[in-house]
Amino acid sequence: MALDPQLLEILACPDTHHAPLDYDAQAQTLTCTECGRIFEVRDDVPVLLLDEARGGPAAEDARGGTAPQP
C-alpha cells in the first residue's frame, strides 16, 4: 500500500523550516527538499522524527562539512 496523495501534500519536514518532502515509493522514504534529511516509511507510516532521520546538517558536520548558518 502506498501513502495517500492527500497526506503527501500536507507532510513537511519536522525541522523549523517545514519544507516539503519528496516521496520515494520504492525506497519507502521521504526526503526533505531543503535540508536533505531522509525519513523512513515503516508499515505505511511516515516516521518524522529528527533523531531517526538519515543525512541532513548533522551528518554533514560529522563528515567534516559545514552546517548552514542561521
C-alpha atoms as a PDB file:
ATOM      1  CA  MET A   1       0.000   0.000   0.000  1.00  0.00           C
ATOM      2  CA  ALA A   2       1.288   3.470  -0.877  1.00  0.00           C
ATOM      3  CA  LEU A   3       0.927   6.675   1.084  1.00  0.00           C
ATOM      4  CA  ASP A   4      -2.240   8.649   0.415  1.00  0.00           C
ATOM      5  CA  PRO A   5      -1.561  11.503  -2.064  1.00  0.00           C
ATOM      6  CA  GLN A   6      -3.539  13.914   0.147  1.00  0.00           C
ATOM      7  CA  LEU A   7      -1.310  13.026   3.096  1.00  0.00           C
ATOM      8  CA  LEU A   8       1.808  13.597   0.984  1.00  0.00           C
ATOM      9  CA  GLU A   9       0.560  17.098   0.127  1.00  0.00           C
ATOM     10  CA  ILE A  10       0.468  18.167   3.776  1.00  0.00           C
ATOM     11  CA  LEU A  11       3.529  16.357   5.155  1.00  0.00           C
ATOM     12  CA  ALA A  12       6.512  18.595   5.883  1.00  0.00           C
ATOM     13  CA  CYS A  13       9.941  18.282   7.444  1.00  0.00           C
ATOM     14  CA  PRO A  14       9.669  18.441  11.245  1.00  0.00           C
ATOM     15  CA  ASP A  15      12.644  20.824  11.450  1.00  0.00           C
ATOM     16  CA  THR A  16      11.973  24.557  11.843  1.00  0.00           C
ATOM     17  CA  HIS A  17      11.904  25.240   8.077  1.00  0.00           C
ATOM     18  CA  HIS A  18       8.953  22.823   7.497  1.00  0.00           C
ATOM     19  CA  ALA A  19       9.954  22.233   3.865  1.00  0.00           C
ATOM     20  CA  PRO A  20       8.016  19.820   1.640  1.00  0.00           C
ATOM     21  CA  LEU A  21       9.055  16.174   1.436  1.00  0.00           C
ATOM     22  CA  ASP A  22       9.700  14.079  -1.691  1.00  0.00           C
ATOM     23  CA  TYR A  23       8.314  10.537  -1.505  1.00  0.00           C
ATOM     24  CA  ASP A  24      10.252   7.591  -2.935  1.00  0.00           C
ATOM     25  CA  ALA A  25       7.721   4.736  -3.014  1.00  0.00           C
ATOM     26  CA  GLN A  26      10.287   2.103  -3.972  1.00  0.00           C
ATOM     27  CA  ALA A  27      12.723   3.011  -1.179  1.00  0.00           C
ATOM     28  CA  GLN A  28       9.890   3.801   1.257  1.00  0.00           C
ATOM     29  CA  THR A  29      11.469   7.117   2.261  1.00  0.00           C
ATOM     30  CA  LEU A  30      10.587  10.796   2.446  1.00  0.00           C
ATOM     31  CA  THR A  31      13.376  13.287   1.708  1.00  0.00           C
ATOM     32  CA  CYS A  32      13.322  16.914   2.805  1.00  0.00           C
ATOM     33  CA  THR A  33      13.666  19.270  -0.161  1.00  0.00           C
ATOM     34  CA  GLU A  34      15.616  21.785   1.953  1.00  0.00           C
ATOM     35  CA  CYS A  35      17.903  20.006   4.436  1.00  0.00           C
ATOM     36  CA  GLY A  36      18.158  16.612   2.710  1.00  0.00           C
ATOM     37  CA  ARG A  37      17.163  14.543   5.735  1.00  0.00           C
ATOM     38  CA  ILE A  38      15.734  11.144   4.821  1.00  0.00           C
ATOM     39  CA  PHE A  39      12.817   9.806   6.847  1.00  0.00           C
ATOM     40  CA  GLU A  40      11.770   6.146   6.753  1.00  0.00           C
ATOM     41  CA  VAL A  41       8.227   4.995   5.993  1.00  0.00           C
ATOM     42  CA  ARG A  42       7.523   1.889   8.073  1.00  0.00           C
ATOM     43  CA  ASP A  43       4.355  -0.131   7.537  1.00  0.00           C
ATOM     44  CA  ASP A  44       2.933   2.803   5.537  1.00  0.00           C
ATOM     45  CA  VAL A  45       3.529   5.204   8.455  1.00  0.00           C
ATOM     46  CA  PRO A  46       5.998   8.099   7.966  1.00  0.00           C
ATOM     47  CA  VAL A  47       8.498   8.280  10.837  1.00  0.00           C
ATOM     48  CA  LEU A  48       9.114  12.032  11.015  1.00  0.00           C
ATOM     49  CA  LEU A  49      11.476  12.070  13.983  1.00  0.00           C
ATOM     50  CA  LEU A  50      14.612  14.169  13.612  1.00  0.00           C
ATOM     51  CA  ASP A  51      16.557  11.746  15.816  1.00  0.00           C
ATOM     52  CA  GLU A  52      15.784   8.854  13.445  1.00  0.00           C
ATOM     53  CA  ALA A  53      16.392  10.709  10.164  1.00  0.00           C
ATOM     54  CA  ARG A  54      19.416   9.963   7.988  1.00  0.00           C
ATOM     55  CA  GLY A  55      21.518  12.658   6.390  1.00  0.00           C
ATOM     56  CA  GLY A  56      20.932  16.365   6.755  1.00  0.00           C
ATOM     57  CA  PRO A  57      23.019  19.030   8.504  1.00  0.00           C
ATOM     58  CA  ALA A  58      24.099  16.855  11.454  1.00  0.00           C
ATOM     59  CA  ALA A  59      25.509  14.200   9.112  1.00  0.00           C
ATOM     60  CA  GLU A  60      27.490  16.845   7.212  1.00  0.00           C
ATOM     61  CA  ASP A  61      29.020  18.078  10.486  1.00  0.00           C
ATOM     62  CA  ALA A  62      30.055  14.518  11.381  1.00  0.00           C
ATOM     63  CA  ARG A  63      31.807  14.165   7.992  1.00  0.00           C
ATOM     64  CA  GLY A  64      33.640  17.465   8.428  1.00  0.00           C
ATOM     65  CA  GLY A  65      31.293  19.573   6.293  1.00  0.00           C
ATOM     66  CA  THR A  66      29.776  22.839   7.282  1.00  0.00           C
ATOM     67  CA  ALA A  67      26.335  23.250   8.733  1.00  0.00           C
ATOM     68  CA  PRO A  68      24.079  26.004   7.410  1.00  0.00           C
ATOM     69  CA  GLN A  69      24.273  29.202   9.390  1.00  0.00           C
ATOM     70  CA  PRO A  70      21.060  30.568  10.976  1.00  0.00           C
END
